[in-house]
Amino acid sequence: MKSEAKDVTAYLADVPAERRDALKRLRSLYLATFKGCEECIDYGMPCYKRDGELVAAFASQKQYIALYGMGNAVERYKKELTGCSVGKGCIRFRSAEALDFDLIGRMLKDKAASKPTAC
C-alpha cells in the first residue's frame, strides 16, 4: 500500500496500530546505522539515500513488512531468514512479531560496511 505521507513521522502515524511500535523501532535501527543519509519518503515508503541514491528502505505493506535494498544480505543471511519471503534484494516479514531486530541490525550493519557509499 503506497503511502501519501510527506515524511517518515507521518508515515508511521498512518500505519496500523499493531505495527507502529515495531516500525518505529525499525526506523531507529535505520537511523543509527545509516547516519548521514537523507531520510525521506520515496516510492511511498521510508527511504535512506546518499547523494540522491537509494541505500535502503522499509515499508508496511498489506500482507507484510518489507526491507528493500538489502542486496547481498539476502543471500548471506538466507538460513536465518526462515519464515520470510525473500527476493533479490527484498526481505518480507509476515507480521511485526516476526521481525528479528537483532538479525535486522546485523544485516543493516553489514550492508553499511560493505558499500563505501552507504551512509
PDB file of N, CA and C in Angstrom:
ATOM      1  N   MET A   1       0.841  -1.172   0.000  1.00  0.00           N
ATOM      2  CA  MET A   1       0.000   0.000   0.000  1.00  0.00           C
ATOM      3  C   MET A   1       0.887   1.237   0.000  1.00  0.00           C
ATOM      4  N   LYS A   2       0.816   1.993  -1.047  1.00  0.00           N
ATOM      5  CA  LYS A   2       1.635   3.186  -1.185  1.00  0.00           C
ATOM      6  C   LYS A   2       1.080   4.298  -0.307  1.00  0.00           C
ATOM      7  N   SER A   3       1.952   4.870   0.497  1.00  0.00           N
ATOM      8  CA  SER A   3       1.556   5.936   1.408  1.00  0.00           C
ATOM      9  C   SER A   3       1.636   7.289   0.708  1.00  0.00           C
ATOM     10  N   GLU A   4       0.784   8.186   1.128  1.00  0.00           N
ATOM     11  CA  GLU A   4       0.815   9.567   0.638  1.00  0.00           C
ATOM     12  C   GLU A   4       1.484  10.492   1.660  1.00  0.00           C
ATOM     13  N   ALA A   5       2.066   9.917   2.713  1.00  0.00           N
ATOM     14  CA  ALA A   5       2.717  10.708   3.766  1.00  0.00           C
ATOM     15  C   ALA A   5       3.863  11.535   3.176  1.00  0.00           C
ATOM     16  N   LYS A   6       4.067  12.699   3.758  1.00  0.00           N
ATOM     17  CA  LYS A   6       5.118  13.603   3.281  1.00  0.00           C
ATOM     18  C   LYS A   6       6.451  13.391   3.994  1.00  0.00           C
ATOM     19  N   ASP A   7       6.411  12.763   5.174  1.00  0.00           N
ATOM     20  CA  ASP A   7       7.647  12.469   5.897  1.00  0.00           C
ATOM     21  C   ASP A   7       7.470  11.167   6.686  1.00  0.00           C
ATOM     22  N   VAL A   8       8.561  10.668   7.252  1.00  0.00           N
ATOM     23  CA  VAL A   8       8.525   9.368   7.918  1.00  0.00           C
ATOM     24  C   VAL A   8       7.662   9.410   9.177  1.00  0.00           C
ATOM     25  N   THR A   9       7.662  10.508   9.898  1.00  0.00           N
ATOM     26  CA  THR A   9       6.818  10.621  11.089  1.00  0.00           C
ATOM     27  C   THR A   9       5.351  10.458  10.715  1.00  0.00           C
ATOM     28  N   ALA A  10       4.932  11.122   9.645  1.00  0.00           N
ATOM     29  CA  ALA A  10       3.542  10.992   9.180  1.00  0.00           C
ATOM     30  C   ALA A  10       3.274   9.581   8.668  1.00  0.00           C
ATOM     31  N   TYR A  11       4.252   8.983   8.007  1.00  0.00           N
ATOM     32  CA  TYR A  11       4.108   7.607   7.518  1.00  0.00           C
ATOM     33  C   TYR A  11       3.821   6.669   8.691  1.00  0.00           C
ATOM     34  N   LEU A  12       4.612   6.791   9.745  1.00  0.00           N
ATOM     35  CA  LEU A  12       4.446   5.913  10.910  1.00  0.00           C
ATOM     36  C   LEU A  12       3.108   6.148  11.611  1.00  0.00           C
ATOM     37  N   ALA A  13       2.635   7.375  11.597  1.00  0.00           N
ATOM     38  CA  ALA A  13       1.343   7.679  12.216  1.00  0.00           C
ATOM     39  C   ALA A  13       0.196   7.016  11.455  1.00  0.00           C
ATOM     40  N   ASP A  14       0.410   6.745  10.160  1.00  0.00           N
ATOM     41  CA  ASP A  14      -0.631   6.164   9.319  1.00  0.00           C
ATOM     42  C   ASP A  14      -0.647   4.633   9.291  1.00  0.00           C
ATOM     43  N   VAL A  15       0.411   3.990   9.781  1.00  0.00           N
ATOM     44  CA  VAL A  15       0.433   2.520   9.725  1.00  0.00           C
ATOM     45  C   VAL A  15      -0.521   1.945  10.765  1.00  0.00           C
ATOM     46  N   PRO A  16      -0.969   0.705  10.571  1.00  0.00           N
ATOM     47  CA  PRO A  16      -1.859   0.088  11.563  1.00  0.00           C
ATOM     48  C   PRO A  16      -1.221   0.091  12.959  1.00  0.00           C
ATOM     49  N   ALA A  17      -2.034   0.344  13.964  1.00  0.00           N
ATOM     50  CA  ALA A  17      -1.550   0.479  15.342  1.00  0.00           C
ATOM     51  C   ALA A  17      -0.729  -0.721  15.792  1.00  0.00           C
ATOM     52  N   GLU A  18      -1.112  -1.925  15.360  1.00  0.00           N
ATOM     53  CA  GLU A  18      -0.399  -3.117  15.809  1.00  0.00           C
ATOM     54  C   GLU A  18       1.004  -3.234  15.206  1.00  0.00           C
ATOM     55  N   ARG A  19       1.323  -2.410  14.223  1.00  0.00           N
ATOM     56  CA  ARG A  19       2.658  -2.408  13.611  1.00  0.00           C
ATOM     57  C   ARG A  19       3.493  -1.185  14.009  1.00  0.00           C
ATOM     58  N   ARG A  20       2.854  -0.187  14.563  1.00  0.00           N
ATOM     59  CA  ARG A  20       3.515   1.107  14.757  1.00  0.00           C
ATOM     60  C   ARG A  20       4.783   1.022  15.607  1.00  0.00           C
ATOM     61  N   ASP A  21       4.732   0.364  16.759  1.00  0.00           N
ATOM     62  CA  ASP A  21       5.920   0.288  17.623  1.00  0.00           C
ATOM     63  C   ASP A  21       7.064  -0.439  16.933  1.00  0.00           C
ATOM     64  N   ALA A  22       6.752  -1.524  16.236  1.00  0.00           N
ATOM     65  CA  ALA A  22       7.792  -2.273  15.532  1.00  0.00           C
ATOM     66  C   ALA A  22       8.423  -1.424  14.431  1.00  0.00           C
ATOM     67  N   LEU A  23       7.615  -0.674  13.708  1.00  0.00           N
ATOM     68  CA  LEU A  23       8.152   0.164  12.643  1.00  0.00           C
ATOM     69  C   LEU A  23       8.952   1.342  13.198  1.00  0.00           C
ATOM     70  N   LYS A  24       8.561   1.854  14.339  1.00  0.00           N
ATOM     71  CA  LYS A  24       9.359   2.906  14.979  1.00  0.00           C
ATOM     72  C   LYS A  24      10.722   2.360  15.393  1.00  0.00           C
ATOM     73  N   ARG A  25      10.719   1.140  15.897  1.00  0.00           N
ATOM     74  CA  ARG A  25      11.988   0.504  16.280  1.00  0.00           C
ATOM     75  C   ARG A  25      12.845   0.246  15.039  1.00  0.00           C
ATOM     76  N   LEU A  26      12.220  -0.169  13.967  1.00  0.00           N
ATOM     77  CA  LEU A  26      12.920  -0.381  12.704  1.00  0.00           C
ATOM     78  C   LEU A  26      13.527   0.935  12.214  1.00  0.00           C
ATOM     79  N   ARG A  27      12.766   2.002  12.290  1.00  0.00           N
ATOM     80  CA  ARG A  27      13.276   3.317  11.898  1.00  0.00           C
ATOM     81  C   ARG A  27      14.508   3.687  12.712  1.00  0.00           C
ATOM     82  N   SER A  28      14.461   3.431  14.011  1.00  0.00           N
ATOM     83  CA  SER A  28      15.616   3.739  14.873  1.00  0.00           C
ATOM     84  C   SER A  28      16.860   2.974  14.435  1.00  0.00           C
ATOM     85  N   LEU A  29      16.685   1.710  14.046  1.00  0.00           N
ATOM     86  CA  LEU A  29      17.816   0.923  13.552  1.00  0.00           C
ATOM     87  C   LEU A  29      18.394   1.533  12.279  1.00  0.00           C
ATOM     88  N   TYR A  30      17.535   1.929  11.369  1.00  0.00           N
ATOM     89  CA  TYR A  30      17.994   2.537  10.121  1.00  0.00           C
ATOM     90  C   TYR A  30      18.718   3.855  10.398  1.00  0.00           C
ATOM     91  N   LEU A  31      18.147   4.687  11.262  1.00  0.00           N
ATOM     92  CA  LEU A  31      18.781   5.974  11.566  1.00  0.00           C
ATOM     93  C   LEU A  31      20.148   5.780  12.226  1.00  0.00           C
ATOM     94  N   ALA A  32      20.250   4.823  13.125  1.00  0.00           N
ATOM     95  CA  ALA A  32      21.516   4.563  13.816  1.00  0.00           C
ATOM     96  C   ALA A  32      22.563   3.991  12.859  1.00  0.00           C
ATOM     97  N   THR A  33      22.131   3.190  11.919  1.00  0.00           N
ATOM     98  CA  THR A  33      23.060   2.534  11.002  1.00  0.00           C
ATOM     99  C   THR A  33      23.471   3.437   9.850  1.00  0.00           C
ATOM    100  N   PHE A  34      22.540   4.174   9.309  1.00  0.00           N
ATOM    101  CA  PHE A  34      22.812   4.983   8.126  1.00  0.00           C
ATOM    102  C   PHE A  34      22.914   6.465   8.474  1.00  0.00           C
ATOM    103  N   LYS A  35      23.751   6.766   9.455  1.00  0.00           N
ATOM    104  CA  LYS A  35      23.967   8.166   9.859  1.00  0.00           C
ATOM    105  C   LYS A  35      24.497   8.950   8.661  1.00  0.00           C
ATOM    106  N   GLY A  36      23.977  10.133   8.504  1.00  0.00           N
ATOM    107  CA  GLY A  36      24.405  10.973   7.399  1.00  0.00           C
ATOM    108  C   GLY A  36      23.575  10.793   6.139  1.00  0.00           C
ATOM    109  N   CYS A  37      22.741   9.781   6.121  1.00  0.00           N
ATOM    110  CA  CYS A  37      21.838   9.594   4.973  1.00  0.00           C
ATOM    111  C   CYS A  37      20.659  10.553   5.101  1.00  0.00           C
ATOM    112  N   GLU A  38      20.090  10.873   3.973  1.00  0.00           N
ATOM    113  CA  GLU A  38      18.851  11.635   3.953  1.00  0.00           C
ATOM    114  C   GLU A  38      17.710  10.658   4.199  1.00  0.00           C
ATOM    115  N   GLU A  39      16.898  10.939   5.189  1.00  0.00           N
ATOM    116  CA  GLU A  39      15.692  10.156   5.421  1.00  0.00           C
ATOM    117  C   GLU A  39      14.553  10.869   4.699  1.00  0.00           C
ATOM    118  N   CYS A  40      13.839  10.128   3.873  1.00  0.00           N
ATOM    119  CA  CYS A  40      12.765  10.749   3.106  1.00  0.00           C
ATOM    120  C   CYS A  40      11.700   9.710   2.777  1.00  0.00           C
ATOM    121  N   ILE A  41      10.629  10.184   2.200  1.00  0.00           N
ATOM    122  CA  ILE A  41       9.611   9.297   1.652  1.00  0.00           C
ATOM    123  C   ILE A  41       9.811   9.300   0.142  1.00  0.00           C
ATOM    124  N   ASP A  42       9.999   8.133  -0.411  1.00  0.00           N
ATOM    125  CA  ASP A  42      10.091   7.970  -1.850  1.00  0.00           C
ATOM    126  C   ASP A  42       9.473   6.613  -2.170  1.00  0.00           C
ATOM    127  N   TYR A  43       8.916   6.495  -3.318  1.00  0.00           N
ATOM    128  CA  TYR A  43       8.207   5.254  -3.678  1.00  0.00           C
ATOM    129  C   TYR A  43       7.109   4.933  -2.660  1.00  0.00           C
ATOM    130  N   GLY A  44       6.650   5.937  -1.922  1.00  0.00           N
ATOM    131  CA  GLY A  44       5.595   5.752  -0.938  1.00  0.00           C
ATOM    132  C   GLY A  44       6.032   5.056   0.334  1.00  0.00           C
ATOM    133  N   MET A  45       7.350   5.071   0.636  1.00  0.00           N
ATOM    134  CA  MET A  45       7.860   4.404   1.833  1.00  0.00           C
ATOM    135  C   MET A  45       9.088   5.138   2.363  1.00  0.00           C
ATOM    136  N   PRO A  46       9.453   4.884   3.626  1.00  0.00           N
ATOM    137  CA  PRO A  46      10.664   5.485   4.182  1.00  0.00           C
ATOM    138  C   PRO A  46      11.906   4.986   3.446  1.00  0.00           C
ATOM    139  N   CYS A  47      12.713   5.930   2.978  1.00  0.00           N
ATOM    140  CA  CYS A  47      13.940   5.612   2.244  1.00  0.00           C
ATOM    141  C   CYS A  47      15.108   6.351   2.869  1.00  0.00           C
ATOM    142  N   TYR A  48      16.267   5.778   2.706  1.00  0.00           N
ATOM    143  CA  TYR A  48      17.514   6.364   3.193  1.00  0.00           C
ATOM    144  C   TYR A  48      18.431   6.471   1.993  1.00  0.00           C
ATOM    145  N   LYS A  49      18.833   7.724   1.689  1.00  0.00           N
ATOM    146  CA  LYS A  49      19.591   7.999   0.469  1.00  0.00           C
ATOM    147  C   LYS A  49      20.870   8.754   0.780  1.00  0.00           C
ATOM    148  N   ARG A  50      21.862   8.505  -0.049  1.00  0.00           N
ATOM    149  CA  ARG A  50      23.096   9.278  -0.017  1.00  0.00           C
ATOM    150  C   ARG A  50      23.288   9.844  -1.416  1.00  0.00           C
ATOM    151  N   ASP A  51      23.456  11.151  -1.476  1.00  0.00           N
ATOM    152  CA  ASP A  51      23.639  11.834  -2.762  1.00  0.00           C
ATOM    153  C   ASP A  51      22.558  11.451  -3.765  1.00  0.00           C
ATOM    154  N   GLY A  52      21.327  11.329  -3.273  1.00  0.00           N
ATOM    155  CA  GLY A  52      20.196  11.020  -4.131  1.00  0.00           C
ATOM    156  C   GLY A  52      20.060   9.556  -4.497  1.00  0.00           C
ATOM    157  N   GLU A  53      21.006   8.717  -4.090  1.00  0.00           N
ATOM    158  CA  GLU A  53      20.963   7.286  -4.417  1.00  0.00           C
ATOM    159  C   GLU A  53      20.366   6.494  -3.256  1.00  0.00           C
ATOM    160  N   LEU A  54      19.414   5.628  -3.562  1.00  0.00           N
ATOM    161  CA  LEU A  54      18.779   4.793  -2.539  1.00  0.00           C
ATOM    162  C   LEU A  54      19.796   3.842  -1.929  1.00  0.00           C
ATOM    163  N   VAL A  55      19.873   3.869  -0.608  1.00  0.00           N
ATOM    164  CA  VAL A  55      20.744   2.950   0.129  1.00  0.00           C
ATOM    165  C   VAL A  55      19.903   1.817   0.706  1.00  0.00           C
ATOM    166  N   ALA A  56      18.776   2.157   1.321  1.00  0.00           N
ATOM    167  CA  ALA A  56      17.908   1.159   1.942  1.00  0.00           C
ATOM    168  C   ALA A  56      16.534   1.778   2.172  1.00  0.00           C
ATOM    169  N   ALA A  57      15.546   0.902   2.379  1.00  0.00           N
ATOM    170  CA  ALA A  57      14.183   1.362   2.625  1.00  0.00           C
ATOM    171  C   ALA A  57      13.416   0.273   3.368  1.00  0.00           C
ATOM    172  N   PHE A  58      12.297   0.670   3.956  1.00  0.00           N
ATOM    173  CA  PHE A  58      11.389  -0.303   4.560  1.00  0.00           C
ATOM    174  C   PHE A  58       9.964   0.155   4.316  1.00  0.00           C
ATOM    175  N   ALA A  59       9.022  -0.782   4.447  1.00  0.00           N
ATOM    176  CA  ALA A  59       7.630  -0.428   4.194  1.00  0.00           C
ATOM    177  C   ALA A  59       6.686  -1.366   4.915  1.00  0.00           C
ATOM    178  N   SER A  60       5.550  -0.805   5.285  1.00  0.00           N
ATOM    179  CA  SER A  60       4.449  -1.590   5.820  1.00  0.00           C
ATOM    180  C   SER A  60       3.505  -1.849   4.662  1.00  0.00           C
ATOM    181  N   GLN A  61       3.486  -3.077   4.189  1.00  0.00           N
ATOM    182  CA  GLN A  61       2.609  -3.468   3.088  1.00  0.00           C
ATOM    183  C   GLN A  61       1.376  -4.158   3.658  1.00  0.00           C
ATOM    184  N   LYS A  62       0.422  -4.416   2.829  1.00  0.00           N
ATOM    185  CA  LYS A  62      -0.830  -5.027   3.295  1.00  0.00           C
ATOM    186  C   LYS A  62      -0.593  -6.375   3.965  1.00  0.00           C
ATOM    187  N   GLN A  63       0.222  -7.220   3.370  1.00  0.00           N
ATOM    188  CA  GLN A  63       0.430  -8.580   3.860  1.00  0.00           C
ATOM    189  C   GLN A  63       1.719  -8.770   4.663  1.00  0.00           C
ATOM    190  N   TYR A  64       2.598  -7.776   4.676  1.00  0.00           N
ATOM    191  CA  TYR A  64       3.894  -7.973   5.310  1.00  0.00           C
ATOM    192  C   TYR A  64       4.598  -6.639   5.585  1.00  0.00           C
ATOM    193  N   ILE A  65       5.721  -6.740   6.285  1.00  0.00           N
ATOM    194  CA  ILE A  65       6.632  -5.619   6.483  1.00  0.00           C
ATOM    195  C   ILE A  65       7.881  -5.967   5.685  1.00  0.00           C
ATOM    196  N   ALA A  66       8.302  -5.066   4.829  1.00  0.00           N
ATOM    197  CA  ALA A  66       9.396  -5.368   3.906  1.00  0.00           C
ATOM    198  C   ALA A  66      10.598  -4.472   4.116  1.00  0.00           C
ATOM    199  N   LEU A  67      11.773  -5.048   3.912  1.00  0.00           N
ATOM    200  CA  LEU A  67      13.044  -4.328   3.888  1.00  0.00           C
ATOM    201  C   LEU A  67      13.529  -4.367   2.449  1.00  0.00           C
ATOM    202  N   TYR A  68      13.843  -3.214   1.883  1.00  0.00           N
ATOM    203  CA  TYR A  68      14.263  -3.121   0.491  1.00  0.00           C
ATOM    204  C   TYR A  68      15.710  -2.658   0.399  1.00  0.00           C
ATOM    205  N   GLY A  69      16.336  -3.023  -0.709  1.00  0.00           N
ATOM    206  CA  GLY A  69      17.717  -2.623  -0.950  1.00  0.00           C
ATOM    207  C   GLY A  69      18.707  -3.449  -0.153  1.00  0.00           C
ATOM    208  N   MET A  70      18.331  -4.660   0.225  1.00  0.00           N
ATOM    209  CA  MET A  70      19.171  -5.472   1.098  1.00  0.00           C
ATOM    210  C   MET A  70      20.276  -6.224   0.353  1.00  0.00           C
ATOM    211  N   GLY A  71      20.199  -6.287  -0.959  1.00  0.00           N
ATOM    212  CA  GLY A  71      21.276  -6.840  -1.779  1.00  0.00           C
ATOM    213  C   GLY A  71      21.856  -8.148  -1.280  1.00  0.00           C
ATOM    214  N   ASN A  72      23.173  -8.160  -1.044  1.00  0.00           N
ATOM    215  CA  ASN A  72      23.896  -9.377  -0.647  1.00  0.00           C
ATOM    216  C   ASN A  72      23.454  -9.944   0.688  1.00  0.00           C
ATOM    217  N   ALA A  73      22.856  -9.140   1.528  1.00  0.00           N
ATOM    218  CA  ALA A  73      22.414  -9.629   2.840  1.00  0.00           C
ATOM    219  C   ALA A  73      21.374 -10.736   2.695  1.00  0.00           C
ATOM    220  N   VAL A  74      20.583 -10.671   1.637  1.00  0.00           N
ATOM    221  CA  VAL A  74      19.556 -11.694   1.418  1.00  0.00           C
ATOM    222  C   VAL A  74      20.214 -13.058   1.329  1.00  0.00           C
ATOM    223  N   GLU A  75      21.242 -13.188   0.512  1.00  0.00           N
ATOM    224  CA  GLU A  75      21.910 -14.477   0.341  1.00  0.00           C
ATOM    225  C   GLU A  75      22.733 -14.837   1.581  1.00  0.00           C
ATOM    226  N   ARG A  76      23.434 -13.859   2.123  1.00  0.00           N
ATOM    227  CA  ARG A  76      24.308 -14.104   3.274  1.00  0.00           C
ATOM    228  C   ARG A  76      23.534 -14.595   4.496  1.00  0.00           C
ATOM    229  N   TYR A  77      22.329 -14.098   4.699  1.00  0.00           N
ATOM    230  CA  TYR A  77      21.546 -14.428   5.897  1.00  0.00           C
ATOM    231  C   TYR A  77      20.346 -15.342   5.597  1.00  0.00           C
ATOM    232  N   LYS A  78      20.307 -15.920   4.423  1.00  0.00           N
ATOM    233  CA  LYS A  78      19.143 -16.702   4.000  1.00  0.00           C
ATOM    234  C   LYS A  78      18.752 -17.788   5.004  1.00  0.00           C
ATOM    235  N   LYS A  79      19.719 -18.470   5.576  1.00  0.00           N
ATOM    236  CA  LYS A  79      19.421 -19.539   6.532  1.00  0.00           C
ATOM    237  C   LYS A  79      18.736 -19.007   7.783  1.00  0.00           C
ATOM    238  N   GLU A  80      19.037 -17.770   8.155  1.00  0.00           N
ATOM    239  CA  GLU A  80      18.438 -17.163   9.339  1.00  0.00           C
ATOM    240  C   GLU A  80      17.086 -16.515   9.054  1.00  0.00           C
ATOM    241  N   LEU A  81      16.747 -16.415   7.797  1.00  0.00           N
ATOM    242  CA  LEU A  81      15.500 -15.751   7.394  1.00  0.00           C
ATOM    243  C   LEU A  81      14.367 -16.755   7.190  1.00  0.00           C
ATOM    244  N   THR A  82      14.364 -17.816   7.972  1.00  0.00           N
ATOM    245  CA  THR A  82      13.320 -18.819   7.857  1.00  0.00           C
ATOM    246  C   THR A  82      11.962 -18.177   8.154  1.00  0.00           C
ATOM    247  N   GLY A  83      10.988 -18.533   7.367  1.00  0.00           N
ATOM    248  CA  GLY A  83       9.652 -17.985   7.543  1.00  0.00           C
ATOM    249  C   GLY A  83       9.435 -16.674   6.822  1.00  0.00           C
ATOM    250  N   CYS A  84      10.497 -16.129   6.233  1.00  0.00           N
ATOM    251  CA  CYS A  84      10.385 -14.878   5.481  1.00  0.00           C
ATOM    252  C   CYS A  84      10.300 -15.183   3.993  1.00  0.00           C
ATOM    253  N   SER A  85       9.675 -14.294   3.283  1.00  0.00           N
ATOM    254  CA  SER A  85       9.686 -14.348   1.827  1.00  0.00           C
ATOM    255  C   SER A  85      10.833 -13.447   1.382  1.00  0.00           C
ATOM    256  N   VAL A  86      11.701 -13.961   0.528  1.00  0.00           N
ATOM    257  CA  VAL A  86      12.844 -13.164   0.097  1.00  0.00           C
ATOM    258  C   VAL A  86      12.891 -13.068  -1.424  1.00  0.00           C
ATOM    259  N   GLY A  87      13.349 -11.930  -1.887  1.00  0.00           N
ATOM    260  CA  GLY A  87      13.567 -11.691  -3.309  1.00  0.00           C
ATOM    261  C   GLY A  87      15.031 -11.353  -3.501  1.00  0.00           C
ATOM    262  N   LYS A  88      15.382 -10.782  -4.639  1.00  0.00           N
ATOM    263  CA  LYS A  88      16.785 -10.454  -4.920  1.00  0.00           C
ATOM    264  C   LYS A  88      17.370  -9.496  -3.891  1.00  0.00           C
ATOM    265  N   GLY A  89      16.627  -8.499  -3.504  1.00  0.00           N
ATOM    266  CA  GLY A  89      17.124  -7.532  -2.541  1.00  0.00           C
ATOM    267  C   GLY A  89      16.079  -7.148  -1.515  1.00  0.00           C
ATOM    268  N   CYS A  90      15.034  -7.957  -1.416  1.00  0.00           N
ATOM    269  CA  CYS A  90      13.903  -7.642  -0.547  1.00  0.00           C
ATOM    270  C   CYS A  90      13.664  -8.778   0.438  1.00  0.00           C
ATOM    271  N   ILE A  91      13.362  -8.411   1.666  1.00  0.00           N
ATOM    272  CA  ILE A  91      13.022  -9.384   2.703  1.00  0.00           C
ATOM    273  C   ILE A  91      11.660  -8.988   3.246  1.00  0.00           C
ATOM    274  N   ARG A  92      10.728  -9.937   3.248  1.00  0.00           N
ATOM    275  CA  ARG A  92       9.370  -9.667   3.692  1.00  0.00           C
ATOM    276  C   ARG A  92       9.035 -10.496   4.929  1.00  0.00           C
ATOM    277  N   PHE A  93       8.644  -9.801   5.990  1.00  0.00           N
ATOM    278  CA  PHE A  93       8.234 -10.433   7.245  1.00  0.00           C
ATOM    279  C   PHE A  93       6.717 -10.417   7.300  1.00  0.00           C
ATOM    280  N   ARG A  94       6.117 -11.518   7.688  1.00  0.00           N
ATOM    281  CA  ARG A  94       4.663 -11.648   7.666  1.00  0.00           C
ATOM    282  C   ARG A  94       3.939 -10.806   8.720  1.00  0.00           C
ATOM    283  N   SER A  95       4.632 -10.446   9.781  1.00  0.00           N
ATOM    284  CA  SER A  95       3.991  -9.657  10.841  1.00  0.00           C
ATOM    285  C   SER A  95       5.055  -8.890  11.617  1.00  0.00           C
ATOM    286  N   ALA A  96       4.597  -7.951  12.419  1.00  0.00           N
ATOM    287  CA  ALA A  96       5.521  -7.202  13.275  1.00  0.00           C
ATOM    288  C   ALA A  96       6.219  -8.135  14.259  1.00  0.00           C
ATOM    289  N   GLU A  97       5.504  -9.146  14.735  1.00  0.00           N
ATOM    290  CA  GLU A  97       6.078 -10.097  15.689  1.00  0.00           C
ATOM    291  C   GLU A  97       7.186 -10.938  15.061  1.00  0.00           C
ATOM    292  N   ALA A  98       7.176 -11.081  13.757  1.00  0.00           N
ATOM    293  CA  ALA A  98       8.178 -11.889  13.059  1.00  0.00           C
ATOM    294  C   ALA A  98       9.501 -11.153  12.867  1.00  0.00           C
ATOM    295  N   LEU A  99       9.507  -9.840  13.089  1.00  0.00           N
ATOM    296  CA  LEU A  99      10.739  -9.065  12.916  1.00  0.00           C
ATOM    297  C   LEU A  99      11.763  -9.482  13.967  1.00  0.00           C
ATOM    298  N   ASP A 100      12.932  -9.880  13.502  1.00  0.00           N
ATOM    299  CA  ASP A 100      14.054 -10.227  14.387  1.00  0.00           C
ATOM    300  C   ASP A 100      15.004  -9.027  14.357  1.00  0.00           C
ATOM    301  N   PHE A 101      14.874  -8.154  15.337  1.00  0.00           N
ATOM    302  CA  PHE A 101      15.624  -6.892  15.318  1.00  0.00           C
ATOM    303  C   PHE A 101      17.124  -7.089  15.447  1.00  0.00           C
ATOM    304  N   ASP A 102      17.557  -8.126  16.153  1.00  0.00           N
ATOM    305  CA  ASP A 102      18.997  -8.405  16.228  1.00  0.00           C
ATOM    306  C   ASP A 102      19.530  -8.782  14.851  1.00  0.00           C
ATOM    307  N   LEU A 103      18.828  -9.658  14.169  1.00  0.00           N
ATOM    308  CA  LEU A 103      19.223 -10.066  12.827  1.00  0.00           C
ATOM    309  C   LEU A 103      19.178  -8.880  11.866  1.00  0.00           C
ATOM    310  N   ILE A 104      18.117  -8.108  11.916  1.00  0.00           N
ATOM    311  CA  ILE A 104      17.998  -6.941  11.032  1.00  0.00           C
ATOM    312  C   ILE A 104      19.129  -5.962  11.299  1.00  0.00           C
ATOM    313  N   GLY A 105      19.453  -5.732  12.565  1.00  0.00           N
ATOM    314  CA  GLY A 105      20.559  -4.843  12.912  1.00  0.00           C
ATOM    315  C   GLY A 105      21.877  -5.320  12.319  1.00  0.00           C
ATOM    316  N   ARG A 106      22.135  -6.623  12.392  1.00  0.00           N
ATOM    317  CA  ARG A 106      23.372  -7.182  11.819  1.00  0.00           C
ATOM    318  C   ARG A 106      23.387  -7.032  10.302  1.00  0.00           C
ATOM    319  N   MET A 107      22.245  -7.284   9.669  1.00  0.00           N
ATOM    320  CA  MET A 107      22.176  -7.150   8.210  1.00  0.00           C
ATOM    321  C   MET A 107      22.412  -5.705   7.775  1.00  0.00           C
ATOM    322  N   LEU A 108      21.804  -4.765   8.495  1.00  0.00           N
ATOM    323  CA  LEU A 108      21.981  -3.354   8.141  1.00  0.00           C
ATOM    324  C   LEU A 108      23.431  -2.919   8.335  1.00  0.00           C
ATOM    325  N   LYS A 109      24.057  -3.353   9.421  1.00  0.00           N
ATOM    326  CA  LYS A 109      25.474  -3.010   9.656  1.00  0.00           C
ATOM    327  C   LYS A 109      26.358  -3.589   8.569  1.00  0.00           C
ATOM    328  N   ASP A 110      26.103  -4.843   8.172  1.00  0.00           N
ATOM    329  CA  ASP A 110      26.870  -5.446   7.084  1.00  0.00           C
ATOM    330  C   ASP A 110      26.671  -4.674   5.789  1.00  0.00           C
ATOM    331  N   LYS A 111      25.445  -4.277   5.525  1.00  0.00           N
ATOM    332  CA  LYS A 111      25.162  -3.515   4.312  1.00  0.00           C
ATOM    333  C   LYS A 111      25.925  -2.200   4.333  1.00  0.00           C
ATOM    334  N   ALA A 112      25.889  -1.511   5.449  1.00  0.00           N
ATOM    335  CA  ALA A 112      26.578  -0.214   5.559  1.00  0.00           C
ATOM    336  C   ALA A 112      28.090  -0.390   5.417  1.00  0.00           C
ATOM    337  N   ALA A 113      28.636  -1.466   5.980  1.00  0.00           N
ATOM    338  CA  ALA A 113      30.077  -1.701   5.916  1.00  0.00           C
ATOM    339  C   ALA A 113      30.529  -2.158   4.535  1.00  0.00           C
ATOM    340  N   SER A 114      29.681  -2.854   3.808  1.00  0.00           N
ATOM    341  CA  SER A 114      30.084  -3.420   2.527  1.00  0.00           C
ATOM    342  C   SER A 114      29.981  -2.448   1.362  1.00  0.00           C
ATOM    343  N   LYS A 115      29.295  -1.349   1.565  1.00  0.00           N
ATOM    344  CA  LYS A 115      29.123  -0.386   0.481  1.00  0.00           C
ATOM    345  C   LYS A 115      29.736   0.949   0.894  1.00  0.00           C
ATOM    346  N   PRO A 116      30.873   1.306   0.306  1.00  0.00           N
ATOM    347  CA  PRO A 116      31.552   2.534   0.710  1.00  0.00           C
ATOM    348  C   PRO A 116      30.684   3.786   0.645  1.00  0.00           C
ATOM    349  N   THR A 117      29.711   3.809  -0.253  1.00  0.00           N
ATOM    350  CA  THR A 117      28.860   4.991  -0.378  1.00  0.00           C
ATOM    351  C   THR A 117      27.673   4.948   0.585  1.00  0.00           C
ATOM    352  N   ALA A 118      27.516   3.801   1.292  1.00  0.00           N
ATOM    353  CA  ALA A 118      26.407   3.729   2.250  1.00  0.00           C
ATOM    354  C   ALA A 118      26.676   4.690   3.386  1.00  0.00           C
ATOM    355  N   CYS A 119      25.633   5.197   3.948  1.00  0.00           N
ATOM    356  CA  CYS A 119      25.746   6.217   4.990  1.00  0.00           C
ATOM    357  C   CYS A 119      26.265   5.642   6.282  1.00  0.00           C
TER     358      CYS A 119
END
